[in-house]
Amino acid sequence: MKVKITKPDACLYDGAAKLVQLPGTGGKFEILENHAPIISSLSKGVIRLIDDEDKEHTFEVRGGVVKSQQNELLILVQ
């Protein structure tokens, strides 16, 4: 799936991923390919991403929102 993680002053990640783990306000959750459409708020925590080459990337965030639809994931963070 295509993933873009951005904050107001920079793009943190723009590429493909197999798995994205997010710190939701109701607890951690994961998004995999073909996930149902979702919009959710994020709390302070760590975004964990596994790219298509099985490399792990982590991003500390102070909150934000995520939108996933048709294998495209947009994450706006602080």
PDB file of N, CA and C in Angstrom:
ATOM      1  N   MET A   1       0.849  -1.175   0.000  1.00  0.00           N
ATOM      2  CA  MET A   1       0.000   0.000   0.000  1.00  0.00           C
ATOM      3  C   MET A   1       0.891   1.234   0.000  1.00  0.00           C
ATOM      4  N   LYS A   2       0.349   2.324  -0.462  1.00  0.00           N
ATOM      5  CA  LYS A   2       1.093   3.579  -0.529  1.00  0.00           C
ATOM      6  C   LYS A   2       0.883   4.338   0.781  1.00  0.00           C
ATOM      7  N   VAL A   3       1.995   4.816   1.367  1.00  0.00           N
ATOM      8  CA  VAL A   3       1.927   5.506   2.655  1.00  0.00           C
ATOM      9  C   VAL A   3       2.646   6.844   2.569  1.00  0.00           C
ATOM     10  N   LYS A   4       2.001   7.867   3.115  1.00  0.00           N
ATOM     11  CA  LYS A   4       2.640   9.183   3.230  1.00  0.00           C
ATOM     12  C   LYS A   4       2.453   9.656   4.665  1.00  0.00           C
ATOM     13  N   ILE A   5       3.579   9.941   5.329  1.00  0.00           N
ATOM     14  CA  ILE A   5       3.560  10.486   6.683  1.00  0.00           C
ATOM     15  C   ILE A   5       4.141  11.885   6.595  1.00  0.00           C
ATOM     16  N   THR A   6       3.351  12.862   7.000  1.00  0.00           N
ATOM     17  CA  THR A   6       3.802  14.244   6.862  1.00  0.00           C
ATOM     18  C   THR A   6       3.474  15.050   8.109  1.00  0.00           C
ATOM     19  N   LYS A   7       4.304  16.056   8.373  1.00  0.00           N
ATOM     20  CA  LYS A   7       4.032  17.017   9.435  1.00  0.00           C
ATOM     21  C   LYS A   7       4.059  18.397   8.798  1.00  0.00           C
ATOM     22  N   PRO A   8       3.668  19.445   9.511  1.00  0.00           N
ATOM     23  CA  PRO A   8       3.534  20.749   8.867  1.00  0.00           C
ATOM     24  C   PRO A   8       4.775  21.244   8.113  1.00  0.00           C
ATOM     25  N   ASP A   9       5.960  20.886   8.589  1.00  0.00           N
ATOM     26  CA  ASP A   9       7.170  21.427   7.970  1.00  0.00           C
ATOM     27  C   ASP A   9       8.004  20.422   7.184  1.00  0.00           C
ATOM     28  N   ALA A  10       7.575  19.151   7.103  1.00  0.00           N
ATOM     29  CA  ALA A  10       8.388  18.156   6.392  1.00  0.00           C
ATOM     30  C   ALA A  10       7.605  16.887   6.109  1.00  0.00           C
ATOM     31  N   CYS A  11       8.025  16.184   5.071  1.00  0.00           N
ATOM     32  CA  CYS A  11       7.496  14.852   4.781  1.00  0.00           C
ATOM     33  C   CYS A  11       8.429  13.844   5.441  1.00  0.00           C
ATOM     34  N   LEU A  12       7.889  12.996   6.310  1.00  0.00           N
ATOM     35  CA  LEU A  12       8.702  12.022   7.027  1.00  0.00           C
ATOM     36  C   LEU A  12       8.876  10.728   6.245  1.00  0.00           C
ATOM     37  N   TYR A  13       7.866  10.351   5.469  1.00  0.00           N
ATOM     38  CA  TYR A  13       7.935   9.103   4.698  1.00  0.00           C
ATOM     39  C   TYR A  13       6.956   9.191   3.537  1.00  0.00           C
ATOM     40  N   ASP A  14       7.394   8.728   2.388  1.00  0.00           N
ATOM     41  CA  ASP A  14       6.531   8.665   1.212  1.00  0.00           C
ATOM     42  C   ASP A  14       6.970   7.452   0.407  1.00  0.00           C
ATOM     43  N   GLY A  15       6.214   6.360   0.516  1.00  0.00           N
ATOM     44  CA  GLY A  15       6.597   5.132  -0.162  1.00  0.00           C
ATOM     45  C   GLY A  15       5.625   4.013   0.128  1.00  0.00           C
ATOM     46  N   ALA A  16       6.073   2.803  -0.161  1.00  0.00           N
ATOM     47  CA  ALA A  16       5.225   1.626   0.017  1.00  0.00           C
ATOM     48  C   ALA A  16       5.468   0.993   1.381  1.00  0.00           C
ATOM     49  N   ALA A  17       4.451   0.289   1.887  1.00  0.00           N
ATOM     50  CA  ALA A  17       4.570  -0.404   3.172  1.00  0.00           C
ATOM     51  C   ALA A  17       3.687  -1.637   3.174  1.00  0.00           C
ATOM     52  N   LYS A  18       4.118  -2.631   3.964  1.00  0.00           N
ATOM     53  CA  LYS A  18       3.323  -3.840   4.169  1.00  0.00           C
ATOM     54  C   LYS A  18       2.445  -3.715   5.403  1.00  0.00           C
ATOM     55  N   LEU A  19       2.947  -2.992   6.407  1.00  0.00           N
ATOM     56  CA  LEU A  19       2.260  -2.876   7.690  1.00  0.00           C
ATOM     57  C   LEU A  19       2.552  -1.524   8.299  1.00  0.00           C
ATOM     58  N   VAL A  20       1.531  -0.918   8.896  1.00  0.00           N
ATOM     59  CA  VAL A  20       1.708   0.328   9.640  1.00  0.00           C
ATOM     60  C   VAL A  20       1.001   0.158  10.975  1.00  0.00           C
ATOM     61  N   GLN A  21       1.737   0.356  12.066  1.00  0.00           N
ATOM     62  CA  GLN A  21       1.176   0.289  13.418  1.00  0.00           C
ATOM     63  C   GLN A  21       1.105   1.712  13.955  1.00  0.00           C
ATOM     64  N   LEU A  22      -0.065   2.080  14.463  1.00  0.00           N
ATOM     65  CA  LEU A  22      -0.328   3.469  14.851  1.00  0.00           C
ATOM     66  C   LEU A  22      -0.798   3.583  16.301  1.00  0.00           C
ATOM     67  N   PRO A  23      -0.437   4.703  16.970  1.00  0.00           N
ATOM     68  CA  PRO A  23      -0.904   4.940  18.340  1.00  0.00           C
ATOM     69  C   PRO A  23      -2.253   5.674  18.348  1.00  0.00           C
ATOM     70  N   GLY A  24      -3.325   4.957  18.200  1.00  0.00           N
ATOM     71  CA  GLY A  24      -4.650   5.575  18.196  1.00  0.00           C
ATOM     72  C   GLY A  24      -5.031   6.084  19.574  1.00  0.00           C
ATOM     73  N   THR A  25      -5.969   7.006  19.632  1.00  0.00           N
ATOM     74  CA  THR A  25      -6.405   7.542  20.922  1.00  0.00           C
ATOM     75  C   THR A  25      -7.097   6.477  21.768  1.00  0.00           C
ATOM     76  N   GLY A  26      -7.602   5.423  21.142  1.00  0.00           N
ATOM     77  CA  GLY A  26      -8.226   4.312  21.865  1.00  0.00           C
ATOM     78  C   GLY A  26      -7.293   3.128  22.039  1.00  0.00           C
ATOM     79  N   GLY A  27      -6.030   3.275  21.650  1.00  0.00           N
ATOM     80  CA  GLY A  27      -5.047   2.197  21.735  1.00  0.00           C
ATOM     81  C   GLY A  27      -4.378   1.957  20.388  1.00  0.00           C
ATOM     82  N   LYS A  28      -3.327   1.160  20.408  1.00  0.00           N
ATOM     83  CA  LYS A  28      -2.599   0.856  19.175  1.00  0.00           C
ATOM     84  C   LYS A  28      -3.463   0.056  18.213  1.00  0.00           C
ATOM     85  N   PHE A  29      -3.255   0.298  16.913  1.00  0.00           N
ATOM     86  CA  PHE A  29      -3.902  -0.508  15.894  1.00  0.00           C
ATOM     87  C   PHE A  29      -3.002  -0.599  14.673  1.00  0.00           C
ATOM     88  N   GLU A  30      -3.256  -1.595  13.827  1.00  0.00           N
ATOM     89  CA  GLU A  30      -2.453  -1.821  12.634  1.00  0.00           C
ATOM     90  C   GLU A  30      -3.309  -1.710  11.382  1.00  0.00           C
ATOM     91  N   ILE A  31      -2.665  -1.256  10.338  1.00  0.00           N
ATOM     92  CA  ILE A  31      -3.301  -1.216   9.026  1.00  0.00           C
ATOM     93  C   ILE A  31      -2.442  -2.042   8.077  1.00  0.00           C
ATOM     94  N   LEU A  32      -3.090  -2.987   7.415  1.00  0.00           N
ATOM     95  CA  LEU A  32      -2.453  -3.833   6.415  1.00  0.00           C
ATOM     96  C   LEU A  32      -3.093  -3.548   5.063  1.00  0.00           C
ATOM     97  N   GLU A  33      -2.540  -4.117   4.017  1.00  0.00           N
ATOM     98  CA  GLU A  33      -3.097  -3.945   2.684  1.00  0.00           C
ATOM     99  C   GLU A  33      -4.558  -4.399   2.657  1.00  0.00           C
ATOM    100  N   ASN A  34      -5.370  -3.703   1.898  1.00  0.00           N
ATOM    101  CA  ASN A  34      -6.805  -3.976   1.719  1.00  0.00           C
ATOM    102  C   ASN A  34      -7.625  -3.750   2.994  1.00  0.00           C
ATOM    103  N   HIS A  35      -7.134  -2.897   3.886  1.00  0.00           N
ATOM    104  CA  HIS A  35      -7.867  -2.546   5.109  1.00  0.00           C
ATOM    105  C   HIS A  35      -9.127  -1.776   4.734  1.00  0.00           C
ATOM    106  N   ALA A  36     -10.155  -1.924   5.519  1.00  0.00           N
ATOM    107  CA  ALA A  36     -11.383  -1.152   5.310  1.00  0.00           C
ATOM    108  C   ALA A  36     -11.070   0.335   5.466  1.00  0.00           C
ATOM    109  N   PRO A  37     -11.797   1.214   4.778  1.00  0.00           N
ATOM    110  CA  PRO A  37     -11.558   2.646   4.928  1.00  0.00           C
ATOM    111  C   PRO A  37     -11.694   3.067   6.395  1.00  0.00           C
ATOM    112  N   ILE A  38     -10.815   3.976   6.823  1.00  0.00           N
ATOM    113  CA  ILE A  38     -10.811   4.426   8.213  1.00  0.00           C
ATOM    114  C   ILE A  38     -10.274   5.846   8.300  1.00  0.00           C
ATOM    115  N   ILE A  39     -10.836   6.592   9.224  1.00  0.00           N
ATOM    116  CA  ILE A  39     -10.286   7.887   9.638  1.00  0.00           C
ATOM    117  C   ILE A  39     -10.214   7.819  11.150  1.00  0.00           C
ATOM    118  N   SER A  40      -9.045   8.155  11.717  1.00  0.00           N
ATOM    119  CA  SER A  40      -8.873   8.043  13.157  1.00  0.00           C
ATOM    120  C   SER A  40      -7.917   9.115  13.666  1.00  0.00           C
ATOM    121  N   SER A  41      -8.098   9.492  14.915  1.00  0.00           N
ATOM    122  CA  SER A  41      -7.157  10.405  15.550  1.00  0.00           C
ATOM    123  C   SER A  41      -6.028   9.592  16.186  1.00  0.00           C
ATOM    124  N   LEU A  42      -4.871  10.229  16.294  1.00  0.00           N
ATOM    125  CA  LEU A  42      -3.696   9.582  16.867  1.00  0.00           C
ATOM    126  C   LEU A  42      -3.272  10.312  18.132  1.00  0.00           C
ATOM    127  N   SER A  43      -2.728   9.561  19.070  1.00  0.00           N
ATOM    128  CA  SER A  43      -2.219  10.159  20.299  1.00  0.00           C
ATOM    129  C   SER A  43      -0.695  10.153  20.259  1.00  0.00           C
ATOM    130  N   LYS A  44      -0.085  10.654  21.301  1.00  0.00           N
ATOM    131  CA  LYS A  44       1.368  10.655  21.413  1.00  0.00           C
ATOM    132  C   LYS A  44       1.859   9.209  21.436  1.00  0.00           C
ATOM    133  N   GLY A  45       2.898   8.925  20.667  1.00  0.00           N
ATOM    134  CA  GLY A  45       3.434   7.577  20.618  1.00  0.00           C
ATOM    135  C   GLY A  45       4.349   7.380  19.435  1.00  0.00           C
ATOM    136  N   VAL A  46       4.466   6.139  18.992  1.00  0.00           N
ATOM    137  CA  VAL A  46       5.381   5.775  17.909  1.00  0.00           C
ATOM    138  C   VAL A  46       4.606   5.115  16.769  1.00  0.00           C
ATOM    139  N   ILE A  47       4.858   5.589  15.562  1.00  0.00           N
ATOM    140  CA  ILE A  47       4.357   4.929  14.369  1.00  0.00           C
ATOM    141  C   ILE A  47       5.439   3.947  13.928  1.00  0.00           C
ATOM    142  N   ARG A  48       5.044   2.711  13.732  1.00  0.00           N
ATOM    143  CA  ARG A  48       5.969   1.658  13.275  1.00  0.00           C
ATOM    144  C   ARG A  48       5.518   1.223  11.887  1.00  0.00           C
ATOM    145  N   LEU A  49       6.458   1.212  10.953  1.00  0.00           N
ATOM    146  CA  LEU A  49       6.148   0.907   9.564  1.00  0.00           C
ATOM    147  C   LEU A  49       7.126  -0.155   9.060  1.00  0.00           C
ATOM    148  N   ILE A  50       6.620  -1.155   8.363  1.00  0.00           N
ATOM    149  CA  ILE A  50       7.442  -2.160   7.696  1.00  0.00           C
ATOM    150  C   ILE A  50       7.291  -1.925   6.189  1.00  0.00           C
ATOM    151  N   ASP A  51       8.411  -1.585   5.524  1.00  0.00           N
ATOM    152  CA  ASP A  51       8.322  -1.298   4.090  1.00  0.00           C
ATOM    153  C   ASP A  51       8.342  -2.580   3.256  1.00  0.00           C
ATOM    154  N   ASP A  52       8.284  -2.437   1.943  1.00  0.00           N
ATOM    155  CA  ASP A  52       8.230  -3.592   1.037  1.00  0.00           C
ATOM    156  C   ASP A  52       9.500  -4.437   1.054  1.00  0.00           C
ATOM    157  N   GLU A  53      10.586  -3.890   1.582  1.00  0.00           N
ATOM    158  CA  GLU A  53      11.844  -4.632   1.683  1.00  0.00           C
ATOM    159  C   GLU A  53      12.051  -5.179   3.093  1.00  0.00           C
ATOM    160  N   ASP A  54      10.986  -5.211   3.889  1.00  0.00           N
ATOM    161  CA  ASP A  54      10.992  -5.702   5.271  1.00  0.00           C
ATOM    162  C   ASP A  54      11.878  -4.889   6.211  1.00  0.00           C
ATOM    163  N   LYS A  55      12.142  -3.639   5.879  1.00  0.00           N
ATOM    164  CA  LYS A  55      12.885  -2.747   6.777  1.00  0.00           C
ATOM    165  C   LYS A  55      11.889  -2.036   7.685  1.00  0.00           C
ATOM    166  N   GLU A  56      12.259  -1.902   8.956  1.00  0.00           N
ATOM    167  CA  GLU A  56      11.390  -1.244   9.930  1.00  0.00           C
ATOM    168  C   GLU A  56      11.777   0.219  10.072  1.00  0.00           C
ATOM    169  N   HIS A  57      10.768   1.081  10.077  1.00  0.00           N
ATOM    170  CA  HIS A  57      10.951   2.516  10.281  1.00  0.00           C
ATOM    171  C   HIS A  57      10.073   2.904  11.468  1.00  0.00           C
ATOM    172  N   THR A  58      10.571   3.793  12.325  1.00  0.00           N
ATOM    173  CA  THR A  58       9.765   4.282  13.446  1.00  0.00           C
ATOM    174  C   THR A  58       9.791   5.806  13.460  1.00  0.00           C
ATOM    175  N   PHE A  59       8.665   6.378  13.862  1.00  0.00           N
ATOM    176  CA  PHE A  59       8.512   7.825  13.907  1.00  0.00           C
ATOM    177  C   PHE A  59       7.796   8.193  15.210  1.00  0.00           C
ATOM    178  N   GLU A  60       8.435   8.997  16.050  1.00  0.00           N
ATOM    179  CA  GLU A  60       7.777   9.470  17.273  1.00  0.00           C
ATOM    180  C   GLU A  60       6.880  10.643  16.910  1.00  0.00           C
ATOM    181  N   VAL A  61       5.641  10.590  17.396  1.00  0.00           N
ATOM    182  CA  VAL A  61       4.675  11.647  17.093  1.00  0.00           C
ATOM    183  C   VAL A  61       4.000  12.134  18.375  1.00  0.00           C
ATOM    184  N   ARG A  62       3.496  13.357  18.319  1.00  0.00           N
ATOM    185  CA  ARG A  62       2.782  13.939  19.460  1.00  0.00           C
ATOM    186  C   ARG A  62       1.275  13.934  19.263  1.00  0.00           C
ATOM    187  N   GLY A  63       0.829  13.335  18.179  1.00  0.00           N
ATOM    188  CA  GLY A  63      -0.599  13.272  17.866  1.00  0.00           C
ATOM    189  C   GLY A  63      -0.794  13.482  16.383  1.00  0.00           C
ATOM    190  N   GLY A  64      -2.035  13.345  15.935  1.00  0.00           N
ATOM    191  CA  GLY A  64      -2.333  13.563  14.528  1.00  0.00           C
ATOM    192  C   GLY A  64      -3.599  12.850  14.101  1.00  0.00           C
ATOM    193  N   VAL A  65      -3.721  12.654  12.792  1.00  0.00           N
ATOM    194  CA  VAL A  65      -4.866  11.949  12.213  1.00  0.00           C
ATOM    195  C   VAL A  65      -4.377  11.032  11.097  1.00  0.00           C
ATOM    196  N   VAL A  66      -5.155   9.995  10.834  1.00  0.00           N
ATOM    197  CA  VAL A  66      -4.838   9.068   9.754  1.00  0.00           C
ATOM    198  C   VAL A  66      -6.099   8.829   8.930  1.00  0.00           C
ATOM    199  N   LYS A  67      -5.900   8.715   7.614  1.00  0.00           N
ATOM    200  CA  LYS A  67      -6.983   8.373   6.695  1.00  0.00           C
ATOM    201  C   LYS A  67      -6.471   7.254   5.798  1.00  0.00           C
ATOM    202  N   SER A  68      -7.220   6.166   5.724  1.00  0.00           N
ATOM    203  CA  SER A  68      -6.857   5.043   4.872  1.00  0.00           C
ATOM    204  C   SER A  68      -8.035   4.718   3.969  1.00  0.00           C
ATOM    205  N   GLN A  69      -7.742   4.615   2.665  1.00  0.00           N
ATOM    206  CA  GLN A  69      -8.788   4.293   1.697  1.00  0.00           C
ATOM    207  C   GLN A  69      -8.126   3.737   0.446  1.00  0.00           C
ATOM    208  N   GLN A  70      -8.603   2.621  -0.057  1.00  0.00           N
ATOM    209  CA  GLN A  70      -8.150   2.006  -1.308  1.00  0.00           C
ATOM    210  C   GLN A  70      -6.625   1.841  -1.353  1.00  0.00           C
ATOM    211  N   ASN A  71      -6.054   1.295  -0.272  1.00  0.00           N
ATOM    212  CA  ASN A  71      -4.615   1.028  -0.163  1.00  0.00           C
ATOM    213  C   ASN A  71      -3.753   2.289  -0.241  1.00  0.00           C
ATOM    214  N   GLU A  72      -4.319   3.437   0.122  1.00  0.00           N
ATOM    215  CA  GLU A  72      -3.566   4.678   0.252  1.00  0.00           C
ATOM    216  C   GLU A  72      -3.756   5.196   1.662  1.00  0.00           C
ATOM    217  N   LEU A  73      -2.657   5.416   2.338  1.00  0.00           N
ATOM    218  CA  LEU A  73      -2.670   5.808   3.742  1.00  0.00           C
ATOM    219  C   LEU A  73      -2.026   7.180   3.867  1.00  0.00           C
ATOM    220  N   LEU A  74      -2.764   8.144   4.404  1.00  0.00           N
ATOM    221  CA  LEU A  74      -2.245   9.487   4.647  1.00  0.00           C
ATOM    222  C   LEU A  74      -2.246   9.728   6.145  1.00  0.00           C
ATOM    223  N   ILE A  75      -1.065  10.049   6.689  1.00  0.00           N
ATOM    224  CA  ILE A  75      -0.920  10.273   8.126  1.00  0.00           C
ATOM    225  C   ILE A  75      -0.382  11.680   8.326  1.00  0.00           C
ATOM    226  N   LEU A  76      -1.164  12.521   8.997  1.00  0.00           N
ATOM    227  CA  LEU A  76      -0.745  13.887   9.317  1.00  0.00           C
ATOM    228  C   LEU A  76      -0.417  13.927  10.793  1.00  0.00           C
ATOM    229  N   VAL A  77       0.808  14.324  11.136  1.00  0.00           N
ATOM    230  CA  VAL A  77       1.264  14.260  12.522  1.00  0.00           C
ATOM    231  C   VAL A  77       1.857  15.594  12.977  1.00  0.00           C
ATOM    232  N   GLN A  78       2.016  15.687  14.299  1.00  0.00           N
ATOM    233  CA  GLN A  78       2.674  16.844  14.918  1.00  0.00           C
ATOM    234  C   GLN A  78       4.044  16.432  15.384  1.00  0.00           C
TER     235      GLN A  78
END
